[in-house]
Amino acid sequence: MPRKQKKLEAGALEGALVIYTDGACSGNPGPGGWGAVLYHGKRSKELFGGEKETTNNRMELMGAIKALEAIKPSFQGPVILFTDSTYVLKGITEWIHGWKKRDWKKSDKKPVINKDLWQKLDALNAAREIRWEWVKGHAGDIGNEKADELARRGIPN
């Protein structure tokens, strides 16, 4: 059953590890990049990478996966991950429950696209408490803009 999430209250980010992720593609499919920025207190960490032949959705998923893999195992605080991808957000908080019940098939009985990445993200999500939040892309949010910049930097030439 998907977790219902409330609006972020004032101060909710204090002490939390705040992550922004993004994906970008030059053509879809085509060369693509993923980016993530992690903020904890006054510290930040930037990550990016890419693939020569991929899709935008795969890069969106890779941004989230690589960010969560970068969290130190000793970190025990709250994690809030912001994405501008409704595909990632709805996939991990809503759709994945049905996919797993149906042996990784969608409601139309077709196989789930990007199953390999969804399984990785599902395992990372199960390993800790993560609050998933949507942020409007290209709307001036500093963390989202930084993740977008990193994703574009990750696109191979």
N, C-alpha and C. Protein backbone atom coordinates (compact mmCIF):
# COMPACT_ATOMS: atom_id res chain seq x y z
N MET A 1 0.85 -1.18 0.00
CA MET A 1 0.00 0.00 0.00
C MET A 1 0.89 1.24 0.00
N PRO A 2 0.70 2.18 -0.94
CA PRO A 2 1.55 3.38 -0.96
C PRO A 2 1.36 4.22 0.29
N ARG A 3 2.48 4.85 0.69
CA ARG A 3 2.42 5.73 1.85
C ARG A 3 1.81 7.05 1.43
N LYS A 4 0.86 7.54 2.21
CA LYS A 4 0.31 8.88 2.01
C LYS A 4 1.28 9.87 2.61
N GLN A 5 1.59 10.93 1.87
CA GLN A 5 2.53 11.90 2.39
C GLN A 5 1.85 13.25 2.55
N LYS A 6 2.17 13.88 3.67
CA LYS A 6 1.64 15.21 3.95
C LYS A 6 2.57 16.26 3.34
N LYS A 7 2.07 17.47 3.27
CA LYS A 7 2.90 18.60 2.84
C LYS A 7 4.06 18.75 3.81
N LEU A 8 5.18 19.24 3.31
CA LEU A 8 6.33 19.49 4.19
C LEU A 8 6.01 20.63 5.15
N GLU A 9 6.18 20.36 6.41
CA GLU A 9 5.97 21.39 7.42
C GLU A 9 7.22 22.26 7.53
N ALA A 10 7.05 23.46 8.06
CA ALA A 10 8.20 24.35 8.29
C ALA A 10 9.20 23.62 9.16
N GLY A 11 10.47 23.66 8.79
CA GLY A 11 11.52 23.01 9.57
C GLY A 11 11.72 21.54 9.24
N ALA A 12 10.91 20.98 8.34
CA ALA A 12 11.01 19.54 8.04
C ALA A 12 12.35 19.17 7.42
N LEU A 13 12.99 20.12 6.75
CA LEU A 13 14.26 19.83 6.09
C LEU A 13 15.43 19.90 7.05
N GLU A 14 15.23 20.52 8.21
CA GLU A 14 16.31 20.68 9.18
C GLU A 14 16.80 19.33 9.67
N GLY A 15 18.09 19.09 9.53
CA GLY A 15 18.68 17.83 9.97
C GLY A 15 18.55 16.71 8.95
N ALA A 16 17.74 16.91 7.92
CA ALA A 16 17.52 15.88 6.92
C ALA A 16 18.62 15.91 5.86
N LEU A 17 18.82 14.79 5.24
CA LEU A 17 19.62 14.72 4.03
C LEU A 17 18.66 15.02 2.89
N VAL A 18 18.87 16.13 2.21
CA VAL A 18 17.98 16.58 1.14
C VAL A 18 18.66 16.31 -0.19
N ILE A 19 17.96 15.60 -1.07
CA ILE A 19 18.52 15.19 -2.35
C ILE A 19 17.64 15.72 -3.48
N TYR A 20 18.29 16.24 -4.51
CA TYR A 20 17.60 16.61 -5.75
C TYR A 20 18.22 15.77 -6.86
N THR A 21 17.38 15.18 -7.70
CA THR A 21 17.88 14.35 -8.80
C THR A 21 17.23 14.79 -10.11
N ASP A 22 17.91 14.49 -11.22
CA ASP A 22 17.36 14.81 -12.53
C ASP A 22 18.01 13.93 -13.58
N GLY A 23 17.35 13.84 -14.73
CA GLY A 23 17.87 13.13 -15.88
C GLY A 23 17.71 14.00 -17.11
N ALA A 24 18.55 13.77 -18.10
CA ALA A 24 18.48 14.54 -19.34
C ALA A 24 18.89 13.64 -20.49
N CYS A 25 18.33 13.90 -21.65
CA CYS A 25 18.66 13.11 -22.82
C CYS A 25 18.74 14.02 -24.03
N SER A 26 19.72 13.76 -24.89
CA SER A 26 19.86 14.48 -26.14
C SER A 26 19.33 13.54 -27.22
N GLY A 27 18.03 13.64 -27.47
CA GLY A 27 17.32 12.63 -28.25
C GLY A 27 16.78 11.62 -27.26
N ASN A 28 15.71 10.95 -27.59
CA ASN A 28 15.10 10.02 -26.64
C ASN A 28 14.56 8.82 -27.41
N PRO A 29 15.37 7.78 -27.68
CA PRO A 29 16.67 7.52 -27.05
C PRO A 29 17.81 8.32 -27.69
N GLY A 30 18.91 8.33 -26.96
CA GLY A 30 20.11 9.02 -27.40
C GLY A 30 21.07 9.12 -26.24
N PRO A 31 22.11 9.94 -26.36
CA PRO A 31 23.02 10.13 -25.24
C PRO A 31 22.28 10.81 -24.08
N GLY A 32 22.51 10.32 -22.87
CA GLY A 32 21.80 10.87 -21.72
C GLY A 32 22.68 11.01 -20.51
N GLY A 33 22.24 11.85 -19.59
CA GLY A 33 22.98 12.06 -18.35
C GLY A 33 22.04 12.11 -17.16
N TRP A 34 22.59 11.83 -16.01
CA TRP A 34 21.86 11.93 -14.75
C TRP A 34 22.67 12.82 -13.81
N GLY A 35 21.97 13.47 -12.90
CA GLY A 35 22.63 14.32 -11.94
C GLY A 35 21.93 14.26 -10.60
N ALA A 36 22.69 14.50 -9.56
CA ALA A 36 22.13 14.53 -8.21
C ALA A 36 22.97 15.46 -7.35
N VAL A 37 22.28 16.16 -6.48
CA VAL A 37 22.98 16.96 -5.48
C VAL A 37 22.39 16.62 -4.12
N LEU A 38 23.28 16.35 -3.17
CA LEU A 38 22.89 15.98 -1.82
C LEU A 38 23.30 17.10 -0.88
N TYR A 39 22.36 17.53 -0.06
CA TYR A 39 22.61 18.59 0.92
C TYR A 39 22.37 18.05 2.32
N HIS A 40 23.34 18.30 3.21
CA HIS A 40 23.15 17.98 4.62
C HIS A 40 23.81 19.08 5.43
N GLY A 41 22.98 19.88 6.08
CA GLY A 41 23.50 21.05 6.79
C GLY A 41 24.16 21.99 5.80
N LYS A 42 25.40 22.37 6.06
CA LYS A 42 26.13 23.28 5.18
C LYS A 42 26.94 22.53 4.12
N ARG A 43 26.89 21.21 4.15
CA ARG A 43 27.68 20.41 3.21
C ARG A 43 26.83 19.99 2.02
N SER A 44 27.49 19.85 0.87
CA SER A 44 26.80 19.35 -0.31
C SER A 44 27.73 18.44 -1.10
N LYS A 45 27.13 17.55 -1.88
CA LYS A 45 27.88 16.64 -2.72
C LYS A 45 27.19 16.58 -4.06
N GLU A 46 27.95 16.71 -5.14
CA GLU A 46 27.40 16.68 -6.50
C GLU A 46 27.84 15.40 -7.19
N LEU A 47 26.90 14.78 -7.90
CA LEU A 47 27.17 13.55 -8.63
C LEU A 47 26.59 13.68 -10.04
N PHE A 48 27.27 13.09 -11.01
CA PHE A 48 26.69 13.03 -12.35
C PHE A 48 27.36 11.94 -13.16
N GLY A 49 26.68 11.49 -14.19
CA GLY A 49 27.21 10.48 -15.08
C GLY A 49 26.28 10.35 -16.27
N GLY A 50 26.57 9.42 -17.15
CA GLY A 50 25.73 9.28 -18.32
C GLY A 50 26.02 8.03 -19.11
N GLU A 51 25.24 7.87 -20.18
CA GLU A 51 25.37 6.72 -21.07
C GLU A 51 25.22 7.21 -22.50
N LYS A 52 25.89 6.51 -23.43
CA LYS A 52 25.86 6.92 -24.83
C LYS A 52 24.52 6.68 -25.50
N GLU A 53 23.80 5.63 -25.09
CA GLU A 53 22.51 5.30 -25.71
C GLU A 53 21.53 4.91 -24.60
N THR A 54 20.58 5.79 -24.34
CA THR A 54 19.67 5.59 -23.21
C THR A 54 18.39 6.38 -23.45
N THR A 55 17.56 6.43 -22.42
CA THR A 55 16.33 7.23 -22.49
C THR A 55 16.27 8.20 -21.31
N ASN A 56 15.43 9.19 -21.45
CA ASN A 56 15.26 10.16 -20.38
C ASN A 56 14.78 9.47 -19.09
N ASN A 57 13.83 8.54 -19.20
CA ASN A 57 13.33 7.87 -18.00
C ASN A 57 14.41 7.06 -17.30
N ARG A 58 15.27 6.40 -18.06
CA ARG A 58 16.37 5.65 -17.44
C ARG A 58 17.30 6.60 -16.70
N MET A 59 17.56 7.76 -17.27
CA MET A 59 18.45 8.72 -16.62
C MET A 59 17.81 9.31 -15.36
N GLU A 60 16.49 9.54 -15.40
CA GLU A 60 15.78 10.00 -14.19
C GLU A 60 15.94 8.97 -13.08
N LEU A 61 15.76 7.71 -13.41
CA LEU A 61 15.92 6.64 -12.42
C LEU A 61 17.36 6.54 -11.92
N MET A 62 18.32 6.67 -12.84
CA MET A 62 19.73 6.58 -12.44
C MET A 62 20.12 7.70 -11.48
N GLY A 63 19.58 8.89 -11.69
CA GLY A 63 19.87 9.99 -10.77
C GLY A 63 19.47 9.63 -9.34
N ALA A 64 18.26 9.08 -9.19
CA ALA A 64 17.79 8.69 -7.86
C ALA A 64 18.61 7.52 -7.30
N ILE A 65 18.90 6.54 -8.13
CA ILE A 65 19.67 5.37 -7.68
C ILE A 65 21.06 5.79 -7.21
N LYS A 66 21.76 6.54 -8.04
CA LYS A 66 23.14 6.94 -7.69
C LYS A 66 23.17 7.82 -6.44
N ALA A 67 22.17 8.67 -6.28
CA ALA A 67 22.11 9.52 -5.08
C ALA A 67 21.93 8.66 -3.83
N LEU A 68 21.00 7.71 -3.89
CA LEU A 68 20.74 6.86 -2.72
C LEU A 68 21.91 5.94 -2.43
N GLU A 69 22.59 5.48 -3.48
CA GLU A 69 23.79 4.65 -3.26
C GLU A 69 24.92 5.44 -2.61
N ALA A 70 24.93 6.76 -2.78
CA ALA A 70 25.99 7.60 -2.23
C ALA A 70 25.81 7.91 -0.74
N ILE A 71 24.66 7.57 -0.18
CA ILE A 71 24.43 7.84 1.25
C ILE A 71 25.29 6.89 2.07
N LYS A 72 26.03 7.45 3.01
CA LYS A 72 26.86 6.62 3.88
C LYS A 72 25.97 5.69 4.70
N PRO A 73 26.35 4.41 4.82
CA PRO A 73 25.55 3.47 5.61
C PRO A 73 25.32 3.93 7.05
N SER A 74 26.25 4.72 7.58
CA SER A 74 26.13 5.18 8.97
C SER A 74 25.10 6.30 9.14
N PHE A 75 24.65 6.91 8.03
CA PHE A 75 23.68 8.00 8.14
C PHE A 75 22.33 7.43 8.56
N GLN A 76 21.79 7.96 9.66
CA GLN A 76 20.54 7.45 10.20
C GLN A 76 19.40 8.47 10.18
N GLY A 77 19.65 9.67 9.70
CA GLY A 77 18.63 10.71 9.72
C GLY A 77 17.61 10.56 8.60
N PRO A 78 16.66 11.50 8.57
CA PRO A 78 15.65 11.46 7.52
C PRO A 78 16.23 11.82 6.15
N VAL A 79 15.67 11.21 5.11
CA VAL A 79 16.07 11.48 3.73
C VAL A 79 14.85 12.00 2.99
N ILE A 80 15.02 13.13 2.32
CA ILE A 80 13.95 13.69 1.48
C ILE A 80 14.52 13.82 0.08
N LEU A 81 13.90 13.13 -0.88
CA LEU A 81 14.39 13.16 -2.25
C LEU A 81 13.38 13.90 -3.12
N PHE A 82 13.87 14.95 -3.79
CA PHE A 82 13.05 15.75 -4.70
C PHE A 82 13.36 15.36 -6.14
N THR A 83 12.33 15.12 -6.92
CA THR A 83 12.47 14.82 -8.34
C THR A 83 11.42 15.61 -9.11
N ASP A 84 11.76 15.98 -10.34
CA ASP A 84 10.77 16.63 -11.19
C ASP A 84 10.12 15.61 -12.13
N SER A 85 10.42 14.34 -11.92
CA SER A 85 9.90 13.27 -12.75
C SER A 85 8.69 12.60 -12.09
N THR A 86 7.52 12.79 -12.66
CA THR A 86 6.34 12.09 -12.13
C THR A 86 6.49 10.58 -12.37
N TYR A 87 7.22 10.20 -13.41
CA TYR A 87 7.49 8.78 -13.69
C TYR A 87 8.20 8.14 -12.50
N VAL A 88 9.25 8.78 -12.00
CA VAL A 88 9.98 8.25 -10.85
C VAL A 88 9.12 8.31 -9.59
N LEU A 89 8.51 9.46 -9.34
CA LEU A 89 7.72 9.64 -8.12
C LEU A 89 6.56 8.66 -8.04
N LYS A 90 5.73 8.61 -9.06
CA LYS A 90 4.57 7.71 -9.03
C LYS A 90 5.02 6.25 -9.11
N GLY A 91 6.08 6.01 -9.87
CA GLY A 91 6.58 4.64 -9.98
C GLY A 91 6.98 4.06 -8.63
N ILE A 92 7.75 4.81 -7.85
CA ILE A 92 8.27 4.29 -6.59
C ILE A 92 7.26 4.37 -5.44
N THR A 93 6.32 5.31 -5.50
CA THR A 93 5.36 5.46 -4.40
C THR A 93 4.01 4.81 -4.66
N GLU A 94 3.67 4.56 -5.94
CA GLU A 94 2.35 4.02 -6.26
C GLU A 94 2.40 2.75 -7.11
N TRP A 95 2.92 2.87 -8.32
CA TRP A 95 2.82 1.80 -9.31
C TRP A 95 3.57 0.54 -8.93
N ILE A 96 4.70 0.69 -8.24
CA ILE A 96 5.59 -0.44 -7.98
C ILE A 96 4.90 -1.55 -7.19
N HIS A 97 3.96 -1.20 -6.34
CA HIS A 97 3.27 -2.20 -5.52
C HIS A 97 2.50 -3.17 -6.41
N GLY A 98 1.79 -2.64 -7.40
CA GLY A 98 1.06 -3.49 -8.35
C GLY A 98 1.99 -4.28 -9.25
N TRP A 99 3.08 -3.65 -9.68
CA TRP A 99 4.03 -4.35 -10.55
C TRP A 99 4.58 -5.58 -9.84
N LYS A 100 4.92 -5.44 -8.58
CA LYS A 100 5.49 -6.56 -7.84
C LYS A 100 4.44 -7.66 -7.64
N LYS A 101 3.21 -7.27 -7.35
CA LYS A 101 2.13 -8.27 -7.18
C LYS A 101 1.89 -9.03 -8.48
N ARG A 102 2.08 -8.36 -9.61
CA ARG A 102 1.83 -8.97 -10.92
C ARG A 102 3.12 -9.51 -11.54
N ASP A 103 4.14 -9.77 -10.72
CA ASP A 103 5.42 -10.29 -11.21
C ASP A 103 6.03 -9.38 -12.27
N TRP A 104 6.12 -8.09 -11.94
CA TRP A 104 6.74 -7.06 -12.77
C TRP A 104 6.06 -6.91 -14.13
N LYS A 105 4.73 -6.97 -14.07
CA LYS A 105 3.92 -6.68 -15.26
C LYS A 105 3.05 -5.47 -14.94
N LYS A 106 2.80 -4.66 -15.96
CA LYS A 106 1.91 -3.51 -15.81
C LYS A 106 0.46 -4.01 -15.83
N SER A 107 -0.47 -3.12 -15.56
CA SER A 107 -1.89 -3.52 -15.53
C SER A 107 -2.36 -4.05 -16.89
N ASP A 108 -1.69 -3.65 -17.98
CA ASP A 108 -2.04 -4.16 -19.31
C ASP A 108 -1.33 -5.49 -19.62
N LYS A 109 -0.69 -6.07 -18.60
CA LYS A 109 0.00 -7.36 -18.66
C LYS A 109 1.32 -7.31 -19.44
N LYS A 110 1.74 -6.14 -19.90
CA LYS A 110 3.02 -5.99 -20.57
C LYS A 110 4.11 -5.84 -19.52
N PRO A 111 5.35 -6.25 -19.86
CA PRO A 111 6.44 -6.13 -18.88
C PRO A 111 6.72 -4.67 -18.52
N VAL A 112 7.12 -4.47 -17.27
CA VAL A 112 7.51 -3.14 -16.80
C VAL A 112 8.79 -2.73 -17.51
N ILE A 113 8.76 -1.55 -18.11
CA ILE A 113 9.95 -1.01 -18.77
C ILE A 113 10.93 -0.55 -17.69
N ASN A 114 12.20 -0.78 -17.89
CA ASN A 114 13.27 -0.40 -16.95
C ASN A 114 13.20 -1.21 -15.64
N LYS A 115 12.71 -2.44 -15.75
CA LYS A 115 12.57 -3.31 -14.57
C LYS A 115 13.87 -3.39 -13.76
N ASP A 116 15.02 -3.50 -14.46
CA ASP A 116 16.30 -3.61 -13.76
C ASP A 116 16.54 -2.43 -12.83
N LEU A 117 16.24 -1.23 -13.32
CA LEU A 117 16.45 -0.03 -12.50
C LEU A 117 15.38 0.10 -11.42
N TRP A 118 14.14 -0.26 -11.73
CA TRP A 118 13.09 -0.21 -10.71
C TRP A 118 13.42 -1.16 -9.56
N GLN A 119 13.96 -2.32 -9.87
CA GLN A 119 14.31 -3.27 -8.80
C GLN A 119 15.43 -2.73 -7.93
N LYS A 120 16.42 -2.07 -8.54
CA LYS A 120 17.50 -1.44 -7.76
C LYS A 120 16.94 -0.34 -6.87
N LEU A 121 16.09 0.52 -7.46
CA LEU A 121 15.53 1.63 -6.70
C LEU A 121 14.63 1.12 -5.57
N ASP A 122 13.88 0.07 -5.83
CA ASP A 122 13.01 -0.52 -4.81
C ASP A 122 13.83 -1.03 -3.63
N ALA A 123 14.96 -1.69 -3.91
CA ALA A 123 15.81 -2.20 -2.83
C ALA A 123 16.40 -1.05 -2.01
N LEU A 124 16.84 0.00 -2.68
CA LEU A 124 17.39 1.16 -1.97
C LEU A 124 16.31 1.85 -1.14
N ASN A 125 15.11 1.95 -1.68
CA ASN A 125 13.99 2.57 -0.99
C ASN A 125 13.60 1.77 0.26
N ALA A 126 13.67 0.45 0.15
CA ALA A 126 13.31 -0.42 1.28
C ALA A 126 14.35 -0.37 2.39
N ALA A 127 15.58 0.02 2.06
CA ALA A 127 16.68 -0.01 3.03
C ALA A 127 16.63 1.14 4.04
N ARG A 128 15.87 2.18 3.73
CA ARG A 128 15.77 3.31 4.65
C ARG A 128 14.46 4.05 4.42
N GLU A 129 14.12 4.92 5.34
CA GLU A 129 12.90 5.73 5.22
C GLU A 129 13.20 6.94 4.34
N ILE A 130 12.55 7.00 3.19
CA ILE A 130 12.76 8.09 2.24
C ILE A 130 11.44 8.78 1.99
N ARG A 131 11.45 10.06 2.08
CA ARG A 131 10.27 10.86 1.73
C ARG A 131 10.46 11.34 0.30
N TRP A 132 9.58 10.95 -0.59
CA TRP A 132 9.65 11.30 -2.01
C TRP A 132 8.79 12.52 -2.27
N GLU A 133 9.36 13.52 -2.90
CA GLU A 133 8.64 14.77 -3.17
C GLU A 133 8.83 15.17 -4.63
N TRP A 134 7.77 15.72 -5.21
CA TRP A 134 7.84 16.24 -6.57
C TRP A 134 8.16 17.73 -6.51
N VAL A 135 8.99 18.19 -7.45
CA VAL A 135 9.30 19.61 -7.58
C VAL A 135 9.13 19.97 -9.05
N LYS A 136 8.54 21.10 -9.31
CA LYS A 136 8.35 21.55 -10.70
C LYS A 136 9.72 21.84 -11.31
N GLY A 137 9.99 21.23 -12.47
CA GLY A 137 11.26 21.43 -13.15
C GLY A 137 11.33 22.78 -13.84
N HIS A 138 12.53 23.30 -13.95
CA HIS A 138 12.80 24.55 -14.68
C HIS A 138 11.93 25.71 -14.16
N ALA A 139 11.74 25.73 -12.85
CA ALA A 139 10.90 26.77 -12.24
C ALA A 139 11.67 27.59 -11.21
N GLY A 140 13.00 27.49 -11.24
CA GLY A 140 13.81 28.33 -10.36
C GLY A 140 14.18 27.71 -9.03
N ASP A 141 13.76 26.47 -8.74
CA ASP A 141 14.17 25.81 -7.50
C ASP A 141 15.67 25.54 -7.59
N ILE A 142 16.44 26.05 -6.66
CA ILE A 142 17.90 26.00 -6.73
C ILE A 142 18.42 24.56 -6.81
N GLY A 143 17.89 23.67 -5.98
CA GLY A 143 18.34 22.28 -6.00
C GLY A 143 18.00 21.59 -7.31
N ASN A 144 16.81 21.83 -7.82
CA ASN A 144 16.40 21.23 -9.08
C ASN A 144 17.23 21.76 -10.24
N GLU A 145 17.51 23.04 -10.22
CA GLU A 145 18.33 23.64 -11.29
C GLU A 145 19.75 23.06 -11.26
N LYS A 146 20.30 22.84 -10.07
CA LYS A 146 21.64 22.26 -9.94
C LYS A 146 21.64 20.82 -10.44
N ALA A 147 20.62 20.04 -10.07
CA ALA A 147 20.53 18.65 -10.54
C ALA A 147 20.41 18.60 -12.06
N ASP A 148 19.65 19.52 -12.63
CA ASP A 148 19.50 19.60 -14.09
C ASP A 148 20.84 19.92 -14.75
N GLU A 149 21.56 20.88 -14.19
CA GLU A 149 22.89 21.25 -14.71
C GLU A 149 23.83 20.05 -14.68
N LEU A 150 23.80 19.30 -13.58
CA LEU A 150 24.66 18.13 -13.44
C LEU A 150 24.27 17.04 -14.44
N ALA A 151 22.96 16.84 -14.63
CA ALA A 151 22.49 15.83 -15.59
C ALA A 151 22.97 16.18 -17.00
N ARG A 152 22.89 17.45 -17.36
CA ARG A 152 23.35 17.86 -18.69
C ARG A 152 24.86 17.70 -18.81
N ARG A 153 25.57 17.93 -17.71
CA ARG A 153 27.03 17.75 -17.70
C ARG A 153 27.39 16.27 -17.91
N GLY A 154 26.51 15.39 -17.46
CA GLY A 154 26.77 13.94 -17.57
C GLY A 154 26.56 13.36 -18.95
N ILE A 155 25.91 14.09 -19.85
CA ILE A 155 25.65 13.56 -21.20
C ILE A 155 26.98 13.41 -21.94
N PRO A 156 27.29 12.18 -22.39
CA PRO A 156 28.55 11.97 -23.12
C PRO A 156 28.54 12.70 -24.47
N ASN A 157 29.70 13.17 -24.88
CA ASN A 157 29.83 13.84 -26.18
C ASN A 157 29.81 12.84 -27.32
